[in-house]
Amino acid sequence: MRDLMVLAETTYGLTNARLAATAAALLGVAGVIVGWRARRGRGAGRRGAVVAAATGAVATIAGVIALAVADGGPGTGNGVVAAWAAVVLGPVALVLGAVTARRAGAKT
């Protein structure tokens, strides 16, 4: 019975898996910000669009890998919540970057 209770414990500290998933989620957030700024004309234009697309792709891949190796749900120290955030934010940054790059390419 004690073994089952240990498996169900919530981890509160920063684990390596949480750190990796959080980094992926922050990369996704950064990609969305850079892509949005480039789209609004306040960023580096085409370069900002490429950076947004690249960070979105990396965030998505890292989030999927984090989810694939996680052996528990939220609260187990595996970074599942941050990995899902990366999986959601990564494609948003990727699409923002791709649309902005296409739009910037059409202007030149």
Protein backbone atom coordinates (compact mmCIF):
# COMPACT_ATOMS: atom_id res chain seq x y z
CA MET A 1 0.00 0.00 0.00
CA ARG A 2 2.86 2.36 0.81
CA ASP A 3 4.34 1.85 -2.67
CA LEU A 4 1.11 2.98 -4.30
CA MET A 5 1.02 6.10 -2.16
CA VAL A 6 4.59 6.97 -3.12
CA LEU A 7 3.75 6.70 -6.82
CA ALA A 8 0.83 9.08 -6.41
CA GLU A 9 2.80 11.81 -4.62
CA THR A 10 2.99 15.22 -6.20
CA THR A 11 6.44 16.63 -6.88
CA TYR A 12 6.86 20.30 -6.07
CA GLY A 13 10.50 20.94 -6.97
CA LEU A 14 12.08 21.74 -10.30
CA THR A 15 13.01 18.46 -11.97
CA ASN A 16 15.07 18.05 -15.13
CA ALA A 17 11.96 17.09 -17.08
CA ARG A 18 10.10 20.16 -15.84
CA LEU A 19 13.04 22.36 -16.71
CA ALA A 20 13.22 21.01 -20.27
CA ALA A 21 9.47 21.31 -20.81
CA THR A 22 9.42 24.81 -19.32
CA ALA A 23 12.26 25.86 -21.61
CA ALA A 24 10.28 24.53 -24.58
CA ALA A 25 7.17 26.43 -23.48
CA LEU A 26 9.15 29.64 -23.01
CA LEU A 27 10.66 29.15 -26.45
CA GLY A 28 7.12 28.86 -27.81
CA VAL A 29 6.10 32.06 -26.03
CA ALA A 30 9.16 33.85 -27.41
CA GLY A 31 8.33 32.62 -30.91
CA VAL A 32 4.76 33.89 -30.65
CA ILE A 33 5.98 37.29 -29.43
CA VAL A 34 8.61 37.61 -32.16
CA GLY A 35 6.15 36.44 -34.81
CA TRP A 36 3.47 38.83 -33.64
CA ARG A 37 5.89 41.76 -33.59
CA ALA A 38 7.18 40.88 -37.05
CA ARG A 39 3.64 40.60 -38.35
CA ARG A 40 2.70 43.97 -36.90
CA GLY A 41 5.75 45.57 -38.53
CA ARG A 42 7.59 46.23 -35.28
CA GLY A 43 9.99 43.34 -35.51
CA ALA A 44 12.86 42.56 -37.83
CA GLY A 45 10.54 41.79 -40.75
CA ARG A 46 11.55 38.67 -42.63
CA ARG A 47 14.30 37.81 -40.13
CA GLY A 48 11.81 37.99 -37.26
CA ALA A 49 9.44 35.76 -39.20
CA VAL A 50 12.15 33.16 -39.73
CA VAL A 51 13.13 33.30 -36.05
CA ALA A 52 9.47 32.85 -35.04
CA ALA A 53 9.05 29.87 -37.36
CA ALA A 54 12.26 28.24 -36.16
CA THR A 55 11.52 28.71 -32.47
CA GLY A 56 7.99 27.43 -33.04
CA ALA A 57 9.28 24.29 -34.71
CA VAL A 58 11.83 23.64 -31.96
CA ALA A 59 9.26 24.28 -29.21
CA THR A 60 6.79 21.90 -30.83
CA ILE A 61 9.35 19.12 -31.24
CA ALA A 62 10.67 19.56 -27.70
CA GLY A 63 7.13 19.54 -26.30
CA VAL A 64 6.23 16.35 -28.15
CA ILE A 65 9.41 14.66 -26.95
CA ALA A 66 8.70 15.75 -23.36
CA LEU A 67 5.20 14.29 -23.59
CA ALA A 68 6.49 11.08 -25.14
CA VAL A 69 8.97 10.39 -22.33
CA ALA A 70 6.68 11.49 -19.49
CA ASP A 71 5.61 8.60 -17.31
CA GLY A 72 2.91 10.41 -15.38
CA GLY A 73 0.39 13.19 -15.52
CA PRO A 74 0.36 16.72 -14.18
CA GLY A 75 2.02 17.07 -10.79
CA THR A 76 4.38 14.12 -11.18
CA GLY A 77 7.48 16.17 -12.00
CA ASN A 78 7.53 15.28 -15.69
CA GLY A 79 6.69 18.72 -17.06
CA VAL A 80 3.49 17.58 -18.73
CA VAL A 81 1.68 20.91 -18.38
CA ALA A 82 4.58 22.92 -19.80
CA ALA A 83 5.02 20.36 -22.58
CA TRP A 84 1.38 20.79 -23.59
CA ALA A 85 1.88 24.56 -23.54
CA ALA A 86 4.85 24.12 -25.89
CA VAL A 87 2.80 21.86 -28.17
CA VAL A 88 0.10 24.54 -28.38
CA LEU A 89 2.33 27.63 -28.62
CA GLY A 90 4.89 26.12 -30.99
CA PRO A 91 2.56 25.73 -33.98
CA VAL A 92 1.12 29.20 -33.34
CA ALA A 93 4.62 30.68 -33.59
CA LEU A 94 5.35 28.52 -36.63
CA VAL A 95 2.24 29.70 -38.47
CA LEU A 96 2.81 33.34 -37.50
CA GLY A 97 6.35 33.12 -38.80
CA ALA A 98 5.38 31.39 -42.03
CA VAL A 99 2.56 33.82 -42.81
CA THR A 100 4.74 36.82 -42.01
CA ALA A 101 7.65 35.49 -44.08
CA ARG A 102 5.36 34.93 -47.05
CA ARG A 103 3.94 38.41 -46.65
CA ALA A 104 7.42 39.98 -46.32
CA GLY A 105 8.62 38.05 -49.37
CA ALA A 106 5.74 39.34 -51.46
CA LYS A 107 6.68 42.96 -50.69
CA THR A 108 10.23 42.70 -51.99
